[in-house]
Amino acid sequence: MDMEIPVPLAAVTLVSALHTAYVASLLRKRWAAHTVMTRALKAKFERTLKAQKMCIAFYPIFLVILWTSGLFFDAGLAAVLGGVYILGRQVYSCGQPSMTKIQHFLGFYTVITALLLLSLTGTLGLVHVILEPYIDINHPLSYLSGEPKQLYFF
């Protein structure tokens, strides 16, 4: 296993950190913009704050799964799925007060799907790395390239 610098993973991590800071600044601006909060404005703000808190709770899980998937499976695919997670999070948290329930659930299910796919690819990559010394996992793939391995020496 050769070690390369995982530039796509670092880029997605940086974008996700900047997105978290952006959403936090939006929440602060929304809170400061309304000196007198009516019941409707307070409900909108609380829904947005709740969505942001849920995304913050998932953030460490996202980073661990992103890097595990990228290091052990494929950095490019992990970066794409990380981008999908960030877009789903944008839809879920930032546009939450002005969206319909269908759009809100679309963002939520996009986030969950991206996390599940990242965890699946990370698990497959880890299983491959763990079992590689004991089982020749690449052996069935060698037949596709036209170079069959000789299994027996007689």
N, C-alpha and C. Protein backbone atom coordinates (compact mmCIF):
# COMPACT_ATOMS: atom_id res chain seq x y z
N MET A 1 0.85 -1.17 0.00
CA MET A 1 0.00 0.00 0.00
C MET A 1 0.90 1.23 0.00
N ASP A 2 0.87 2.01 -1.06
CA ASP A 2 1.69 3.19 -1.15
C ASP A 2 0.96 4.38 -0.52
N MET A 3 1.72 5.28 0.05
CA MET A 3 1.14 6.43 0.72
C MET A 3 1.25 7.65 -0.19
N GLU A 4 0.13 8.25 -0.47
CA GLU A 4 0.07 9.48 -1.23
C GLU A 4 -0.58 10.54 -0.36
N ILE A 5 -0.44 11.76 -0.77
CA ILE A 5 -1.12 12.84 -0.06
C ILE A 5 -2.58 12.86 -0.54
N PRO A 6 -3.53 12.70 0.37
CA PRO A 6 -4.94 12.66 -0.04
C PRO A 6 -5.51 14.06 -0.22
N VAL A 7 -5.17 14.69 -1.32
CA VAL A 7 -5.59 16.07 -1.59
C VAL A 7 -7.11 16.21 -1.68
N PRO A 8 -7.83 15.28 -2.37
CA PRO A 8 -9.30 15.45 -2.42
C PRO A 8 -9.95 15.40 -1.04
N LEU A 9 -9.45 14.54 -0.17
CA LEU A 9 -10.02 14.45 1.17
C LEU A 9 -9.75 15.71 1.97
N ALA A 10 -8.54 16.24 1.84
CA ALA A 10 -8.21 17.48 2.53
C ALA A 10 -9.07 18.64 2.03
N ALA A 11 -9.32 18.68 0.73
CA ALA A 11 -10.15 19.74 0.16
C ALA A 11 -11.59 19.65 0.68
N VAL A 12 -12.15 18.45 0.72
CA VAL A 12 -13.51 18.29 1.22
C VAL A 12 -13.58 18.63 2.71
N THR A 13 -12.56 18.26 3.46
CA THR A 13 -12.53 18.59 4.89
C THR A 13 -12.49 20.09 5.09
N LEU A 14 -11.68 20.78 4.31
CA LEU A 14 -11.60 22.24 4.41
C LEU A 14 -12.92 22.90 4.03
N VAL A 15 -13.54 22.44 2.95
CA VAL A 15 -14.82 23.00 2.53
C VAL A 15 -15.89 22.76 3.59
N SER A 16 -15.88 21.57 4.18
CA SER A 16 -16.89 21.30 5.21
C SER A 16 -16.67 22.16 6.45
N ALA A 17 -15.43 22.42 6.82
CA ALA A 17 -15.15 23.31 7.96
C ALA A 17 -15.59 24.74 7.64
N LEU A 18 -15.32 25.20 6.42
CA LEU A 18 -15.76 26.54 6.02
C LEU A 18 -17.29 26.63 5.98
N HIS A 19 -17.94 25.55 5.55
CA HIS A 19 -19.40 25.53 5.52
C HIS A 19 -19.97 25.61 6.93
N THR A 20 -19.34 24.92 7.87
CA THR A 20 -19.80 24.99 9.26
C THR A 20 -19.67 26.40 9.81
N ALA A 21 -18.57 27.07 9.51
CA ALA A 21 -18.39 28.45 9.95
C ALA A 21 -19.40 29.38 9.28
N TYR A 22 -19.69 29.14 8.01
CA TYR A 22 -20.66 29.96 7.27
C TYR A 22 -22.05 29.84 7.89
N VAL A 23 -22.47 28.62 8.19
CA VAL A 23 -23.79 28.42 8.77
C VAL A 23 -23.87 29.04 10.16
N ALA A 24 -22.81 28.95 10.93
CA ALA A 24 -22.80 29.57 12.25
C ALA A 24 -22.91 31.09 12.15
N SER A 25 -22.24 31.68 11.16
CA SER A 25 -22.34 33.14 10.99
C SER A 25 -23.74 33.54 10.51
N LEU A 26 -24.36 32.71 9.68
CA LEU A 26 -25.74 32.99 9.27
C LEU A 26 -26.68 32.97 10.46
N LEU A 27 -26.51 32.00 11.33
CA LEU A 27 -27.36 31.93 12.52
C LEU A 27 -27.17 33.15 13.41
N ARG A 28 -25.93 33.59 13.57
CA ARG A 28 -25.67 34.77 14.38
C ARG A 28 -26.31 36.01 13.77
N LYS A 29 -26.21 36.13 12.43
CA LYS A 29 -26.81 37.28 11.75
C LYS A 29 -28.33 37.26 11.86
N ARG A 30 -28.92 36.07 11.74
CA ARG A 30 -30.38 35.97 11.87
C ARG A 30 -30.83 36.33 13.28
N TRP A 31 -30.04 35.94 14.26
CA TRP A 31 -30.39 36.26 15.64
C TRP A 31 -30.25 37.76 15.89
N ALA A 32 -29.19 38.37 15.37
CA ALA A 32 -28.94 39.79 15.60
C ALA A 32 -29.87 40.69 14.78
N ALA A 33 -30.40 40.20 13.67
CA ALA A 33 -31.23 41.02 12.80
C ALA A 33 -32.59 41.32 13.42
N HIS A 34 -33.04 40.45 14.28
CA HIS A 34 -34.37 40.63 14.86
C HIS A 34 -34.23 40.96 16.35
N THR A 35 -34.35 42.27 16.64
CA THR A 35 -34.24 42.66 18.04
C THR A 35 -35.49 42.24 18.81
N VAL A 36 -36.62 42.33 18.14
CA VAL A 36 -37.88 41.87 18.74
C VAL A 36 -38.32 40.65 17.94
N MET A 37 -38.37 39.52 18.61
CA MET A 37 -38.73 38.28 17.92
C MET A 37 -40.19 37.96 18.19
N THR A 38 -40.92 37.84 17.11
CA THR A 38 -42.29 37.37 17.25
C THR A 38 -42.26 35.86 17.43
N ARG A 39 -43.40 35.31 17.71
CA ARG A 39 -43.47 33.86 17.91
C ARG A 39 -43.09 33.11 16.62
N ALA A 40 -43.51 33.61 15.46
CA ALA A 40 -43.19 32.95 14.19
C ALA A 40 -41.70 33.03 13.88
N LEU A 41 -41.07 34.20 14.10
CA LEU A 41 -39.63 34.33 13.85
C LEU A 41 -38.84 33.47 14.81
N LYS A 42 -39.29 33.41 16.07
CA LYS A 42 -38.59 32.59 17.04
C LYS A 42 -38.68 31.10 16.67
N ALA A 43 -39.82 30.67 16.17
CA ALA A 43 -39.98 29.27 15.76
C ALA A 43 -39.08 28.94 14.57
N LYS A 44 -38.99 29.87 13.59
CA LYS A 44 -38.10 29.66 12.44
C LYS A 44 -36.65 29.57 12.89
N PHE A 45 -36.25 30.48 13.76
CA PHE A 45 -34.87 30.48 14.24
C PHE A 45 -34.57 29.20 15.01
N GLU A 46 -35.49 28.76 15.85
CA GLU A 46 -35.27 27.54 16.63
C GLU A 46 -35.17 26.31 15.73
N ARG A 47 -35.95 26.27 14.65
CA ARG A 47 -35.84 25.14 13.71
C ARG A 47 -34.49 25.15 13.01
N THR A 48 -34.03 26.33 12.60
CA THR A 48 -32.73 26.44 11.96
C THR A 48 -31.62 26.07 12.94
N LEU A 49 -31.73 26.53 14.17
CA LEU A 49 -30.73 26.21 15.19
C LEU A 49 -30.71 24.71 15.48
N LYS A 50 -31.87 24.09 15.53
CA LYS A 50 -31.95 22.64 15.78
C LYS A 50 -31.30 21.86 14.64
N ALA A 51 -31.56 22.29 13.40
CA ALA A 51 -30.93 21.63 12.25
C ALA A 51 -29.42 21.79 12.29
N GLN A 52 -28.94 22.98 12.68
CA GLN A 52 -27.50 23.20 12.77
C GLN A 52 -26.89 22.35 13.87
N LYS A 53 -27.56 22.22 15.00
CA LYS A 53 -27.04 21.40 16.09
C LYS A 53 -26.97 19.93 15.68
N MET A 54 -27.95 19.47 14.91
CA MET A 54 -27.91 18.09 14.44
C MET A 54 -26.75 17.87 13.48
N CYS A 55 -26.50 18.84 12.60
CA CYS A 55 -25.38 18.73 11.66
C CYS A 55 -24.05 18.77 12.40
N ILE A 56 -23.94 19.59 13.44
CA ILE A 56 -22.71 19.65 14.23
C ILE A 56 -22.49 18.33 14.96
N ALA A 57 -23.56 17.70 15.41
CA ALA A 57 -23.43 16.41 16.09
C ALA A 57 -22.93 15.32 15.13
N PHE A 58 -23.31 15.41 13.87
CA PHE A 58 -22.86 14.43 12.87
C PHE A 58 -21.48 14.73 12.31
N TYR A 59 -20.95 15.93 12.54
CA TYR A 59 -19.71 16.36 11.90
C TYR A 59 -18.51 15.47 12.22
N PRO A 60 -18.24 15.13 13.50
CA PRO A 60 -17.09 14.23 13.76
C PRO A 60 -17.27 12.86 13.13
N ILE A 61 -18.50 12.37 13.11
CA ILE A 61 -18.77 11.08 12.47
C ILE A 61 -18.47 11.17 10.99
N PHE A 62 -18.90 12.27 10.36
CA PHE A 62 -18.65 12.46 8.94
C PHE A 62 -17.15 12.48 8.63
N LEU A 63 -16.38 13.20 9.44
CA LEU A 63 -14.94 13.29 9.18
C LEU A 63 -14.25 11.94 9.32
N VAL A 64 -14.60 11.18 10.34
CA VAL A 64 -13.98 9.86 10.53
C VAL A 64 -14.34 8.94 9.37
N ILE A 65 -15.59 8.93 8.98
CA ILE A 65 -16.02 8.05 7.88
C ILE A 65 -15.42 8.50 6.56
N LEU A 66 -15.35 9.81 6.33
CA LEU A 66 -14.76 10.33 5.09
C LEU A 66 -13.31 9.91 4.95
N TRP A 67 -12.52 10.10 6.00
CA TRP A 67 -11.10 9.76 5.92
C TRP A 67 -10.87 8.26 5.87
N THR A 68 -11.66 7.48 6.58
CA THR A 68 -11.53 6.02 6.51
C THR A 68 -11.84 5.52 5.11
N SER A 69 -12.91 6.02 4.53
CA SER A 69 -13.27 5.62 3.17
C SER A 69 -12.22 6.06 2.16
N GLY A 70 -11.72 7.28 2.33
CA GLY A 70 -10.73 7.80 1.39
C GLY A 70 -9.38 7.12 1.49
N LEU A 71 -8.96 6.78 2.69
CA LEU A 71 -7.65 6.15 2.85
C LEU A 71 -7.66 4.67 2.52
N PHE A 72 -8.75 3.98 2.79
CA PHE A 72 -8.76 2.54 2.61
C PHE A 72 -9.52 2.08 1.37
N PHE A 73 -10.36 2.93 0.78
CA PHE A 73 -11.10 2.50 -0.41
C PHE A 73 -10.68 3.31 -1.63
N ASP A 74 -11.18 4.54 -1.75
CA ASP A 74 -10.84 5.39 -2.89
C ASP A 74 -11.04 6.85 -2.50
N ALA A 75 -9.99 7.64 -2.63
CA ALA A 75 -10.04 9.05 -2.21
C ALA A 75 -10.98 9.86 -3.10
N GLY A 76 -11.01 9.57 -4.39
CA GLY A 76 -11.87 10.32 -5.30
C GLY A 76 -13.34 10.09 -5.01
N LEU A 77 -13.73 8.83 -4.84
CA LEU A 77 -15.12 8.52 -4.53
C LEU A 77 -15.52 9.09 -3.18
N ALA A 78 -14.63 9.00 -2.20
CA ALA A 78 -14.92 9.56 -0.88
C ALA A 78 -15.10 11.08 -0.96
N ALA A 79 -14.29 11.74 -1.79
CA ALA A 79 -14.42 13.19 -1.94
C ALA A 79 -15.75 13.56 -2.59
N VAL A 80 -16.17 12.79 -3.59
CA VAL A 80 -17.46 13.04 -4.24
C VAL A 80 -18.60 12.85 -3.25
N LEU A 81 -18.57 11.75 -2.50
CA LEU A 81 -19.62 11.50 -1.51
C LEU A 81 -19.57 12.55 -0.40
N GLY A 82 -18.39 13.04 -0.04
CA GLY A 82 -18.28 14.12 0.92
C GLY A 82 -18.90 15.41 0.40
N GLY A 83 -18.71 15.68 -0.89
CA GLY A 83 -19.35 16.84 -1.50
C GLY A 83 -20.86 16.72 -1.50
N VAL A 84 -21.36 15.51 -1.76
CA VAL A 84 -22.81 15.27 -1.71
C VAL A 84 -23.32 15.51 -0.29
N TYR A 85 -22.55 15.07 0.70
CA TYR A 85 -22.93 15.30 2.10
C TYR A 85 -23.03 16.80 2.39
N ILE A 86 -22.04 17.56 1.93
CA ILE A 86 -22.04 19.01 2.20
C ILE A 86 -23.22 19.69 1.51
N LEU A 87 -23.52 19.29 0.27
CA LEU A 87 -24.68 19.87 -0.42
C LEU A 87 -25.98 19.50 0.28
N GLY A 88 -26.10 18.25 0.71
CA GLY A 88 -27.30 17.85 1.44
C GLY A 88 -27.43 18.60 2.75
N ARG A 89 -26.31 18.84 3.40
CA ARG A 89 -26.33 19.59 4.65
C ARG A 89 -26.74 21.04 4.41
N GLN A 90 -26.29 21.60 3.30
CA GLN A 90 -26.69 22.97 2.95
C GLN A 90 -28.20 23.05 2.76
N VAL A 91 -28.74 22.09 2.04
CA VAL A 91 -30.19 22.07 1.81
C VAL A 91 -30.92 21.86 3.13
N TYR A 92 -30.40 20.97 3.97
CA TYR A 92 -31.07 20.63 5.22
C TYR A 92 -31.03 21.75 6.24
N SER A 93 -29.87 22.38 6.42
CA SER A 93 -29.75 23.34 7.53
C SER A 93 -29.98 24.79 7.13
N CYS A 94 -29.45 25.23 6.02
CA CYS A 94 -29.51 26.66 5.70
C CYS A 94 -30.86 27.09 5.12
N GLY A 95 -31.42 26.29 4.27
CA GLY A 95 -32.68 26.67 3.66
C GLY A 95 -33.88 26.17 4.41
N GLN A 96 -33.68 25.63 5.58
CA GLN A 96 -34.72 24.95 6.32
C GLN A 96 -35.95 25.80 6.62
N PRO A 97 -35.84 27.05 7.03
CA PRO A 97 -37.05 27.79 7.37
C PRO A 97 -37.94 28.12 6.18
N SER A 98 -37.36 28.24 4.99
CA SER A 98 -38.14 28.67 3.84
C SER A 98 -38.52 27.53 2.90
N MET A 99 -38.30 26.29 3.32
CA MET A 99 -38.54 25.16 2.43
C MET A 99 -39.81 24.41 2.80
N THR A 100 -40.26 23.63 1.85
CA THR A 100 -41.36 22.72 2.14
C THR A 100 -40.78 21.50 2.84
N LYS A 101 -41.66 20.67 3.39
CA LYS A 101 -41.19 19.48 4.10
C LYS A 101 -40.50 18.52 3.16
N ILE A 102 -40.93 18.45 1.91
CA ILE A 102 -40.32 17.52 0.95
C ILE A 102 -38.87 17.92 0.70
N GLN A 103 -38.60 19.20 0.50
CA GLN A 103 -37.23 19.66 0.29
C GLN A 103 -36.38 19.45 1.53
N HIS A 104 -36.96 19.67 2.70
CA HIS A 104 -36.24 19.47 3.95
C HIS A 104 -35.85 18.00 4.11
N PHE A 105 -36.78 17.09 3.85
CA PHE A 105 -36.48 15.67 3.97
C PHE A 105 -35.53 15.20 2.87
N LEU A 106 -35.57 15.83 1.70
CA LEU A 106 -34.62 15.50 0.65
C LEU A 106 -33.19 15.79 1.11
N GLY A 107 -32.97 16.95 1.74
CA GLY A 107 -31.66 17.27 2.28
C GLY A 107 -31.24 16.30 3.37
N PHE A 108 -32.17 15.95 4.26
CA PHE A 108 -31.87 15.02 5.35
C PHE A 108 -31.50 13.65 4.80
N TYR A 109 -32.28 13.13 3.86
CA TYR A 109 -31.99 11.80 3.32
C TYR A 109 -30.75 11.80 2.43
N THR A 110 -30.41 12.93 1.82
CA THR A 110 -29.16 13.03 1.08
C THR A 110 -27.97 12.90 2.04
N VAL A 111 -28.05 13.57 3.18
CA VAL A 111 -26.99 13.48 4.19
C VAL A 111 -26.85 12.05 4.69
N ILE A 112 -27.96 11.41 5.03
CA ILE A 112 -27.93 10.05 5.56
C ILE A 112 -27.40 9.08 4.51
N THR A 113 -27.83 9.23 3.26
CA THR A 113 -27.37 8.34 2.18
C THR A 113 -25.86 8.48 1.96
N ALA A 114 -25.38 9.72 1.95
CA ALA A 114 -23.93 9.94 1.78
C ALA A 114 -23.15 9.32 2.93
N LEU A 115 -23.64 9.47 4.15
CA LEU A 115 -22.96 8.85 5.29
C LEU A 115 -22.96 7.33 5.20
N LEU A 116 -24.08 6.75 4.79
CA LEU A 116 -24.16 5.29 4.67
C LEU A 116 -23.22 4.77 3.57
N LEU A 117 -23.18 5.46 2.43
CA LEU A 117 -22.29 5.03 1.36
C LEU A 117 -20.82 5.19 1.75
N LEU A 118 -20.50 6.27 2.44
CA LEU A 118 -19.12 6.44 2.92
C LEU A 118 -18.74 5.36 3.92
N SER A 119 -19.66 5.02 4.81
CA SER A 119 -19.34 3.97 5.79
C SER A 119 -19.24 2.61 5.12
N LEU A 120 -20.05 2.36 4.09
CA LEU A 120 -19.96 1.09 3.36
C LEU A 120 -18.63 0.97 2.63
N THR A 121 -18.22 2.02 1.94
CA THR A 121 -16.93 1.96 1.23
C THR A 121 -15.76 1.88 2.20
N GLY A 122 -15.86 2.58 3.33
CA GLY A 122 -14.80 2.49 4.33
C GLY A 122 -14.70 1.10 4.92
N THR A 123 -15.84 0.47 5.17
CA THR A 123 -15.85 -0.89 5.71
C THR A 123 -15.28 -1.87 4.71
N LEU A 124 -15.68 -1.74 3.45
CA LEU A 124 -15.13 -2.63 2.42
C LEU A 124 -13.62 -2.46 2.28
N GLY A 125 -13.15 -1.24 2.34
CA GLY A 125 -11.71 -1.00 2.25
C GLY A 125 -10.96 -1.58 3.44
N LEU A 126 -11.50 -1.42 4.63
CA LEU A 126 -10.86 -1.99 5.82
C LEU A 126 -10.84 -3.51 5.78
N VAL A 127 -11.96 -4.11 5.36
CA VAL A 127 -12.01 -5.58 5.26
C VAL A 127 -10.98 -6.06 4.25
N HIS A 128 -10.84 -5.37 3.14
CA HIS A 128 -9.86 -5.74 2.13
C HIS A 128 -8.44 -5.68 2.69
N VAL A 129 -8.13 -4.60 3.41
CA VAL A 129 -6.78 -4.45 3.97
C VAL A 129 -6.51 -5.50 5.05
N ILE A 130 -7.49 -5.80 5.86
CA ILE A 130 -7.31 -6.78 6.93
C ILE A 130 -7.17 -8.20 6.38
N LEU A 131 -7.99 -8.55 5.38
CA LEU A 131 -7.98 -9.92 4.87
C LEU A 131 -6.95 -10.17 3.77
N GLU A 132 -6.33 -9.13 3.24
CA GLU A 132 -5.40 -9.30 2.13
C GLU A 132 -4.22 -10.24 2.44
N PRO A 133 -3.63 -10.22 3.63
CA PRO A 133 -2.53 -11.16 3.89
C PRO A 133 -2.97 -12.62 3.97
N TYR A 134 -4.24 -12.84 4.29
CA TYR A 134 -4.72 -14.21 4.50
C TYR A 134 -5.44 -14.79 3.29
N ILE A 135 -6.12 -13.96 2.55
CA ILE A 135 -6.89 -14.40 1.39
C ILE A 135 -6.47 -13.56 0.20
N ASP A 136 -6.27 -14.22 -0.93
CA ASP A 136 -5.89 -13.50 -2.15
C ASP A 136 -7.16 -12.93 -2.77
N ILE A 137 -7.54 -11.74 -2.31
CA ILE A 137 -8.79 -11.13 -2.77
C ILE A 137 -8.65 -10.69 -4.22
N ASN A 138 -7.48 -10.29 -4.63
CA ASN A 138 -7.28 -9.83 -6.00
C ASN A 138 -7.21 -10.97 -7.00
N HIS A 139 -7.15 -12.21 -6.55
CA HIS A 139 -7.03 -13.35 -7.45
C HIS A 139 -8.20 -13.46 -8.43
N PRO A 140 -9.47 -13.35 -8.00
CA PRO A 140 -10.56 -13.40 -9.00
C PRO A 140 -10.49 -12.28 -10.02
N LEU A 141 -9.93 -11.14 -9.64
CA LEU A 141 -9.82 -10.02 -10.57
C LEU A 141 -8.72 -10.24 -11.60
N SER A 142 -7.76 -11.11 -11.30
CA SER A 142 -6.68 -11.34 -12.25
C SER A 142 -7.18 -12.08 -13.49
N TYR A 143 -8.26 -12.85 -13.38
CA TYR A 143 -8.82 -13.52 -14.55
C TYR A 143 -9.43 -12.52 -15.53
N LEU A 144 -9.92 -11.41 -15.03
CA LEU A 144 -10.49 -10.40 -15.91
C LEU A 144 -9.42 -9.73 -16.76
N SER A 145 -8.22 -9.61 -16.22
CA SER A 145 -7.15 -8.96 -16.98
C SER A 145 -6.41 -9.94 -17.90
N GLY A 146 -6.80 -11.22 -17.87
CA GLY A 146 -6.20 -12.21 -18.76
C GLY A 146 -4.94 -12.84 -18.23
N GLU A 147 -4.63 -12.64 -16.97
CA GLU A 147 -3.43 -13.22 -16.39
C GLU A 147 -3.81 -14.14 -15.23
N PRO A 148 -4.26 -15.35 -15.52
CA PRO A 148 -4.66 -16.24 -14.43
C PRO A 148 -3.45 -16.71 -13.64
N LYS A 149 -3.62 -16.77 -12.32
CA LYS A 149 -2.55 -17.25 -11.46
C LYS A 149 -2.59 -18.77 -11.40
N GLN A 150 -1.44 -19.36 -11.24
CA GLN A 150 -1.37 -20.79 -11.10
C GLN A 150 -1.53 -21.12 -9.61
N LEU A 151 -2.56 -21.90 -9.29
CA LEU A 151 -2.85 -22.19 -7.90
C LEU A 151 -2.06 -23.37 -7.37
N TYR A 152 -1.83 -24.36 -8.21
CA TYR A 152 -1.17 -25.59 -7.75
C TYR A 152 0.14 -25.77 -8.52
N PHE A 153 1.10 -26.36 -7.89
CA PHE A 153 2.42 -26.52 -8.49
C PHE A 153 2.65 -27.92 -9.01
N PHE A 154 1.68 -28.58 -9.62
CA PHE A 154 1.89 -29.91 -10.23
C PHE A 154 1.33 -29.94 -11.63
